[in-house]
């Protein structure tokens, strides 16, 4: 096992399993829509973050270093989008409700694009690039390893978070209880926005 593998594994584990916007949204989606309807969201997160890692590995971090206002703009865009997603979660229709279907699961493309304004994702991608990419090293090999490790840890973590949401949904026995939980998830997302800016 190569020396950098263990620190990379631990870094990826921390990124995948600690609560953040993606984990909270996938849990909320599991509670409202179940695992099968949340799969596009899960796969969009994994694909979007993989593309983000590759972009940073190929030099996007240098662009951010040169134009820090770009990072600031993405943070603001991310916060606005997170507020929108929090509102969607708070107003999600409960399964078996009145059938108005005001809400729907986040789609693959939405989850993929969200990674570009997800401050936690941007921070981890920049950190991976700084810590695990070797100047003048084999870029293809290093990026393949990084993406493989993050994918191997992120995919199961999102499934577990989603299943936790499914379990919550099965435990709730009224539309009122589901609305309360949806509001709690929305509040957690808003709290994550505040913490990212602090």
C-alpha atoms as a PDB file:
ATOM      1  CA  UNK A   1       0.000   0.000   0.000  1.00  0.00           C
ATOM      2  CA  UNK A   2       1.566   3.322  -1.009  1.00  0.00           C
ATOM      3  CA  UNK A   3       2.386   5.767   1.770  1.00  0.00           C
ATOM      4  CA  UNK A   4      -0.061   8.540   0.744  1.00  0.00           C
ATOM      5  CA  UNK A   5      -2.979   6.090   0.608  1.00  0.00           C
ATOM      6  CA  UNK A   6      -3.800   6.065   4.341  1.00  0.00           C
ATOM      7  CA  UNK A   7      -3.896   9.878   4.731  1.00  0.00           C
ATOM      8  CA  UNK A   8      -5.895  10.145   1.494  1.00  0.00           C
ATOM      9  CA  UNK A   9      -8.326   7.488   2.750  1.00  0.00           C
ATOM     10  CA  UNK A  10      -8.779   9.308   6.084  1.00  0.00           C
ATOM     11  CA  UNK A  11      -9.240  12.671   4.335  1.00  0.00           C
ATOM     12  CA  UNK A  12     -11.831  11.166   1.967  1.00  0.00           C
ATOM     13  CA  UNK A  13     -13.563   9.370   4.850  1.00  0.00           C
ATOM     14  CA  UNK A  14     -13.917  12.658   6.726  1.00  0.00           C
ATOM     15  CA  UNK A  15     -15.301  14.367   3.634  1.00  0.00           C
ATOM     16  CA  UNK A  16     -17.767  11.597   2.839  1.00  0.00           C
ATOM     17  CA  UNK A  17     -19.129  10.763   6.280  1.00  0.00           C
ATOM     18  CA  UNK A  18     -19.227  14.086   8.142  1.00  0.00           C
ATOM     19  CA  UNK A  19     -22.554  15.924   7.828  1.00  0.00           C
ATOM     20  CA  UNK A  20     -22.731  18.519   5.094  1.00  0.00           C
ATOM     21  CA  UNK A  21     -25.264  19.846   2.606  1.00  0.00           C
ATOM     22  CA  UNK A  22     -25.148  16.724   0.392  1.00  0.00           C
ATOM     23  CA  UNK A  23     -25.620  14.314   3.305  1.00  0.00           C
ATOM     24  CA  UNK A  24     -28.484  16.339   4.785  1.00  0.00           C
ATOM     25  CA  UNK A  25     -30.263  16.678   1.439  1.00  0.00           C
ATOM     26  CA  UNK A  26     -29.907  12.952   0.662  1.00  0.00           C
ATOM     27  CA  UNK A  27     -31.257  12.070   4.116  1.00  0.00           C
ATOM     28  CA  UNK A  28     -34.216  14.387   3.575  1.00  0.00           C
ATOM     29  CA  UNK A  29     -34.805  12.895   0.128  1.00  0.00           C
ATOM     30  CA  UNK A  30     -34.736   9.375   1.573  1.00  0.00           C
ATOM     31  CA  UNK A  31     -37.309  10.393   4.165  1.00  0.00           C
ATOM     32  CA  UNK A  32     -39.610  12.012   1.592  1.00  0.00           C
ATOM     33  CA  UNK A  33     -39.087   9.887  -1.520  1.00  0.00           C
ATOM     34  CA  UNK A  34     -37.286   6.645  -0.594  1.00  0.00           C
ATOM     35  CA  UNK A  35     -34.016   5.161  -1.855  1.00  0.00           C
ATOM     36  CA  UNK A  36     -35.063   4.308  -5.413  1.00  0.00           C
ATOM     37  CA  UNK A  37     -36.220   7.847  -6.236  1.00  0.00           C
ATOM     38  CA  UNK A  38     -33.114   9.309  -4.548  1.00  0.00           C
ATOM     39  CA  UNK A  39     -30.625   7.309  -6.674  1.00  0.00           C
ATOM     40  CA  UNK A  40     -30.303  10.029  -9.352  1.00  0.00           C
ATOM     41  CA  UNK A  41     -29.477  12.539  -6.602  1.00  0.00           C
ATOM     42  CA  UNK A  42     -26.858  10.211  -5.081  1.00  0.00           C
ATOM     43  CA  UNK A  43     -25.233   9.453  -8.451  1.00  0.00           C
ATOM     44  CA  UNK A  44     -25.281  13.157  -9.367  1.00  0.00           C
ATOM     45  CA  UNK A  45     -23.360  14.009  -6.186  1.00  0.00           C
ATOM     46  CA  UNK A  46     -20.744  11.321  -6.882  1.00  0.00           C
ATOM     47  CA  UNK A  47     -20.351  12.294 -10.551  1.00  0.00           C
ATOM     48  CA  UNK A  48     -20.293  16.028  -9.822  1.00  0.00           C
ATOM     49  CA  UNK A  49     -17.710  15.728  -7.082  1.00  0.00           C
ATOM     50  CA  UNK A  50     -15.546  13.465  -9.251  1.00  0.00           C
ATOM     51  CA  UNK A  51     -15.597  16.071 -12.017  1.00  0.00           C
ATOM     52  CA  UNK A  52     -14.774  18.756  -9.445  1.00  0.00           C
ATOM     53  CA  UNK A  53     -11.769  16.751  -8.184  1.00  0.00           C
ATOM     54  CA  UNK A  54     -10.518  16.282 -11.739  1.00  0.00           C
ATOM     55  CA  UNK A  55     -10.967  19.982 -12.562  1.00  0.00           C
ATOM     56  CA  UNK A  56      -9.022  21.016  -9.455  1.00  0.00           C
ATOM     57  CA  UNK A  57      -6.324  18.459 -10.255  1.00  0.00           C
ATOM     58  CA  UNK A  58      -5.996  19.900 -13.753  1.00  0.00           C
ATOM     59  CA  UNK A  59      -5.498  23.460 -12.516  1.00  0.00           C
ATOM     60  CA  UNK A  60      -8.784  25.017 -11.392  1.00  0.00           C
ATOM     61  CA  UNK A  61      -7.254  25.714  -7.975  1.00  0.00           C
ATOM     62  CA  UNK A  62      -4.727  28.033  -9.670  1.00  0.00           C
ATOM     63  CA  UNK A  63      -7.605  29.978 -11.198  1.00  0.00           C
ATOM     64  CA  UNK A  64      -9.165  30.372  -7.750  1.00  0.00           C
ATOM     65  CA  UNK A  65      -5.826  31.490  -6.320  1.00  0.00           C
ATOM     66  CA  UNK A  66      -5.484  34.096  -9.056  1.00  0.00           C
ATOM     67  CA  UNK A  67      -9.085  35.307  -8.848  1.00  0.00           C
ATOM     68  CA  UNK A  68     -10.268  34.885  -5.232  1.00  0.00           C
ATOM     69  CA  UNK A  69     -13.432  36.850  -6.035  1.00  0.00           C
ATOM     70  CA  UNK A  70     -14.512  33.880  -8.153  1.00  0.00           C
ATOM     71  CA  UNK A  71     -14.505  31.712  -5.036  1.00  0.00           C
ATOM     72  CA  UNK A  72     -16.494  34.379  -3.202  1.00  0.00           C
ATOM     73  CA  UNK A  73     -19.063  34.490  -6.001  1.00  0.00           C
ATOM     74  CA  UNK A  74     -19.440  30.695  -5.897  1.00  0.00           C
ATOM     75  CA  UNK A  75     -19.944  30.832  -2.123  1.00  0.00           C
ATOM     76  CA  UNK A  76     -22.774  33.349  -2.527  1.00  0.00           C
ATOM     77  CA  UNK A  77     -24.330  31.356  -5.381  1.00  0.00           C
ATOM     78  CA  UNK A  78     -24.057  28.212  -3.259  1.00  0.00           C
ATOM     79  CA  UNK A  79     -25.747  29.903  -0.304  1.00  0.00           C
ATOM     80  CA  UNK A  80     -28.622  31.143  -2.472  1.00  0.00           C
ATOM     81  CA  UNK A  81     -29.103  27.682  -3.986  1.00  0.00           C
ATOM     82  CA  UNK A  82     -28.967  26.028  -0.559  1.00  0.00           C
ATOM     83  CA  UNK A  83     -31.690  28.386   0.689  1.00  0.00           C
ATOM     84  CA  UNK A  84     -33.781  27.340  -2.319  1.00  0.00           C
ATOM     85  CA  UNK A  85     -33.161  23.644  -1.580  1.00  0.00           C
ATOM     86  CA  UNK A  86     -34.012  24.192   2.097  1.00  0.00           C
ATOM     87  CA  UNK A  87     -37.317  25.734   0.999  1.00  0.00           C
ATOM     88  CA  UNK A  88     -37.978  22.732  -1.294  1.00  0.00           C
ATOM     89  CA  UNK A  89     -37.337  20.321   1.560  1.00  0.00           C
ATOM     90  CA  UNK A  90     -39.492  22.310   3.982  1.00  0.00           C
ATOM     91  CA  UNK A  91     -42.401  22.269   1.523  1.00  0.00           C
ATOM     92  CA  UNK A  92     -41.994  18.646   0.354  1.00  0.00           C
ATOM     93  CA  UNK A  93     -45.214  16.714   0.109  1.00  0.00           C
ATOM     94  CA  UNK A  94     -45.358  13.752   2.452  1.00  0.00           C
ATOM     95  CA  UNK A  95     -45.815  10.296   0.899  1.00  0.00           C
ATOM     96  CA  UNK A  96     -49.497   9.430   0.874  1.00  0.00           C
ATOM     97  CA  UNK A  97     -50.456  13.079   1.338  1.00  0.00           C
ATOM     98  CA  UNK A  98     -52.936  15.086  -0.687  1.00  0.00           C
ATOM     99  CA  UNK A  99     -51.311  14.121  -3.989  1.00  0.00           C
ATOM    100  CA  UNK A 100     -50.406  17.658  -5.000  1.00  0.00           C
ATOM    101  CA  UNK A 101     -46.781  16.574  -5.582  1.00  0.00           C
ATOM    102  CA  UNK A 102     -45.390  20.040  -4.932  1.00  0.00           C
ATOM    103  CA  UNK A 103     -41.959  18.518  -4.434  1.00  0.00           C
ATOM    104  CA  UNK A 104     -39.840  16.049  -6.351  1.00  0.00           C
ATOM    105  CA  UNK A 105     -36.445  14.489  -5.729  1.00  0.00           C
ATOM    106  CA  UNK A 106     -33.389  16.400  -6.854  1.00  0.00           C
ATOM    107  CA  UNK A 107     -32.400  15.238 -10.327  1.00  0.00           C
ATOM    108  CA  UNK A 108     -29.014  13.887 -11.429  1.00  0.00           C
ATOM    109  CA  UNK A 109     -28.043  17.074 -13.295  1.00  0.00           C
ATOM    110  CA  UNK A 110     -29.079  19.333 -10.416  1.00  0.00           C
ATOM    111  CA  UNK A 111     -27.011  17.331  -7.931  1.00  0.00           C
ATOM    112  CA  UNK A 112     -24.048  17.296 -10.335  1.00  0.00           C
ATOM    113  CA  UNK A 113     -24.141  21.064 -10.867  1.00  0.00           C
ATOM    114  CA  UNK A 114     -24.678  21.736  -7.162  1.00  0.00           C
ATOM    115  CA  UNK A 115     -21.150  20.462  -6.436  1.00  0.00           C
ATOM    116  CA  UNK A 116     -19.783  23.562  -8.182  1.00  0.00           C
ATOM    117  CA  UNK A 117     -21.410  25.848  -5.609  1.00  0.00           C
ATOM    118  CA  UNK A 118     -21.138  23.521  -2.599  1.00  0.00           C
ATOM    119  CA  UNK A 119     -18.621  25.243  -0.338  1.00  0.00           C
ATOM    120  CA  UNK A 120     -17.769  22.020   1.519  1.00  0.00           C
ATOM    121  CA  UNK A 121     -17.104  20.243  -1.786  1.00  0.00           C
ATOM    122  CA  UNK A 122     -15.002  23.102  -3.153  1.00  0.00           C
ATOM    123  CA  UNK A 123     -12.969  23.211   0.065  1.00  0.00           C
ATOM    124  CA  UNK A 124     -12.306  19.465   0.030  1.00  0.00           C
ATOM    125  CA  UNK A 125     -11.400  19.478  -3.673  1.00  0.00           C
ATOM    126  CA  UNK A 126      -8.900  22.290  -3.085  1.00  0.00           C
ATOM    127  CA  UNK A 127      -7.508  20.503  -0.018  1.00  0.00           C
ATOM    128  CA  UNK A 128      -7.055  17.229  -1.898  1.00  0.00           C
ATOM    129  CA  UNK A 129      -5.273  19.042  -4.708  1.00  0.00           C
ATOM    130  CA  UNK A 130      -2.893  20.776  -2.309  1.00  0.00           C
ATOM    131  CA  UNK A 131      -2.198  17.717  -0.154  1.00  0.00           C
ATOM    132  CA  UNK A 132      -2.166  14.763  -2.544  1.00  0.00           C
ATOM    133  CA  UNK A 133      -1.175  16.020  -5.996  1.00  0.00           C
ATOM    134  CA  UNK A 134       2.582  15.950  -6.585  1.00  0.00           C
ATOM    135  CA  UNK A 135       4.039  18.842  -8.599  1.00  0.00           C
ATOM    136  CA  UNK A 136       5.416  17.288 -11.775  1.00  0.00           C
ATOM    137  CA  UNK A 137       3.920  13.909 -10.808  1.00  0.00           C
ATOM    138  CA  UNK A 138       1.818  11.501 -12.834  1.00  0.00           C
ATOM    139  CA  UNK A 139      -1.398  13.531 -12.971  1.00  0.00           C
ATOM    140  CA  UNK A 140      -3.525  10.780 -14.536  1.00  0.00           C
ATOM    141  CA  UNK A 141      -2.465   8.156 -11.994  1.00  0.00           C
ATOM    142  CA  UNK A 142      -2.859  10.485  -9.021  1.00  0.00           C
ATOM    143  CA  UNK A 143      -6.268  11.789 -10.125  1.00  0.00           C
ATOM    144  CA  UNK A 144      -7.482   8.251 -10.852  1.00  0.00           C
ATOM    145  CA  UNK A 145      -6.489   7.179  -7.343  1.00  0.00           C
ATOM    146  CA  UNK A 146      -8.065  10.244  -5.702  1.00  0.00           C
ATOM    147  CA  UNK A 147     -11.346   9.919  -7.604  1.00  0.00           C
ATOM    148  CA  UNK A 148     -11.505   6.157  -6.953  1.00  0.00           C
ATOM    149  CA  UNK A 149     -10.955   6.586  -3.200  1.00  0.00           C
ATOM    150  CA  UNK A 150     -13.497   9.398  -2.887  1.00  0.00           C
ATOM    151  CA  UNK A 151     -16.066   7.490  -4.967  1.00  0.00           C
ATOM    152  CA  UNK A 152     -15.544   4.298  -2.946  1.00  0.00           C
ATOM    153  CA  UNK A 153     -16.283   6.215   0.271  1.00  0.00           C
ATOM    154  CA  UNK A 154     -18.833   8.785  -0.904  1.00  0.00           C
ATOM    155  CA  UNK A 155     -21.242   6.400  -2.625  1.00  0.00           C
ATOM    156  CA  UNK A 156     -21.823   4.119   0.401  1.00  0.00           C
ATOM    157  CA  UNK A 157     -21.983   7.074   2.792  1.00  0.00           C
ATOM    158  CA  UNK A 158     -24.748   8.694   0.740  1.00  0.00           C
ATOM    159  CA  UNK A 159     -26.645   5.400   0.570  1.00  0.00           C
ATOM    160  CA  UNK A 160     -26.406   5.039   4.371  1.00  0.00           C
ATOM    161  CA  UNK A 161     -27.568   8.643   4.914  1.00  0.00           C
ATOM    162  CA  UNK A 162     -30.452   8.022   2.505  1.00  0.00           C
ATOM    163  CA  UNK A 163     -31.433   4.793   4.275  1.00  0.00           C
ATOM    164  CA  UNK A 164     -31.358   6.683   7.565  1.00  0.00           C
ATOM    165  CA  UNK A 165     -33.868   9.066   5.991  1.00  0.00           C
ATOM    166  CA  UNK A 166     -35.972   6.127   4.786  1.00  0.00           C
ATOM    167  CA  UNK A 167     -36.000   4.747   8.343  1.00  0.00           C
ATOM    168  CA  UNK A 168     -37.102   8.126   9.682  1.00  0.00           C
ATOM    169  CA  UNK A 169     -39.875   8.231   7.075  1.00  0.00           C
ATOM    170  CA  UNK A 170     -41.156   4.784   8.109  1.00  0.00           C
ATOM    171  CA  UNK A 171     -41.119   5.773  11.767  1.00  0.00           C
ATOM    172  CA  UNK A 172     -43.224   8.875  11.141  1.00  0.00           C
ATOM    173  CA  UNK A 173     -46.918   8.062  11.166  1.00  0.00           C
ATOM    174  CA  UNK A 174     -48.562  11.349  10.239  1.00  0.00           C
ATOM    175  CA  UNK A 175     -48.249  14.103   7.671  1.00  0.00           C
ATOM    176  CA  UNK A 176     -47.739  16.582  10.506  1.00  0.00           C
ATOM    177  CA  UNK A 177     -44.737  14.620  11.831  1.00  0.00           C
ATOM    178  CA  UNK A 178     -43.269  14.443   8.327  1.00  0.00           C
ATOM    179  CA  UNK A 179     -43.659  18.194   7.902  1.00  0.00           C
ATOM    180  CA  UNK A 180     -41.893  18.765  11.228  1.00  0.00           C
ATOM    181  CA  UNK A 181     -38.982  16.552  10.156  1.00  0.00           C
ATOM    182  CA  UNK A 182     -38.809  18.279   6.756  1.00  0.00           C
ATOM    183  CA  UNK A 183     -38.631  21.634   8.524  1.00  0.00           C
ATOM    184  CA  UNK A 184     -35.858  20.264  10.761  1.00  0.00           C
ATOM    185  CA  UNK A 185     -33.851  19.140   7.704  1.00  0.00           C
ATOM    186  CA  UNK A 186     -34.391  22.531   6.081  1.00  0.00           C
ATOM    187  CA  UNK A 187     -33.199  24.240   9.278  1.00  0.00           C
ATOM    188  CA  UNK A 188     -30.041  22.073   9.268  1.00  0.00           C
ATOM    189  CA  UNK A 189     -29.288  23.175   5.718  1.00  0.00           C
ATOM    190  CA  UNK A 190     -29.767  26.825   6.677  1.00  0.00           C
ATOM    191  CA  UNK A 191     -27.506  26.259   9.691  1.00  0.00           C
ATOM    192  CA  UNK A 192     -24.853  24.756   7.405  1.00  0.00           C
ATOM    193  CA  UNK A 193     -24.991  27.920   5.274  1.00  0.00           C
ATOM    194  CA  UNK A 194     -24.440  30.092   8.352  1.00  0.00           C
ATOM    195  CA  UNK A 195     -21.545  27.927   9.551  1.00  0.00           C
ATOM    196  CA  UNK A 196     -19.879  28.013   6.131  1.00  0.00           C
ATOM    197  CA  UNK A 197     -19.883  31.806   6.208  1.00  0.00           C
ATOM    198  CA  UNK A 198     -18.662  31.996   9.806  1.00  0.00           C
END
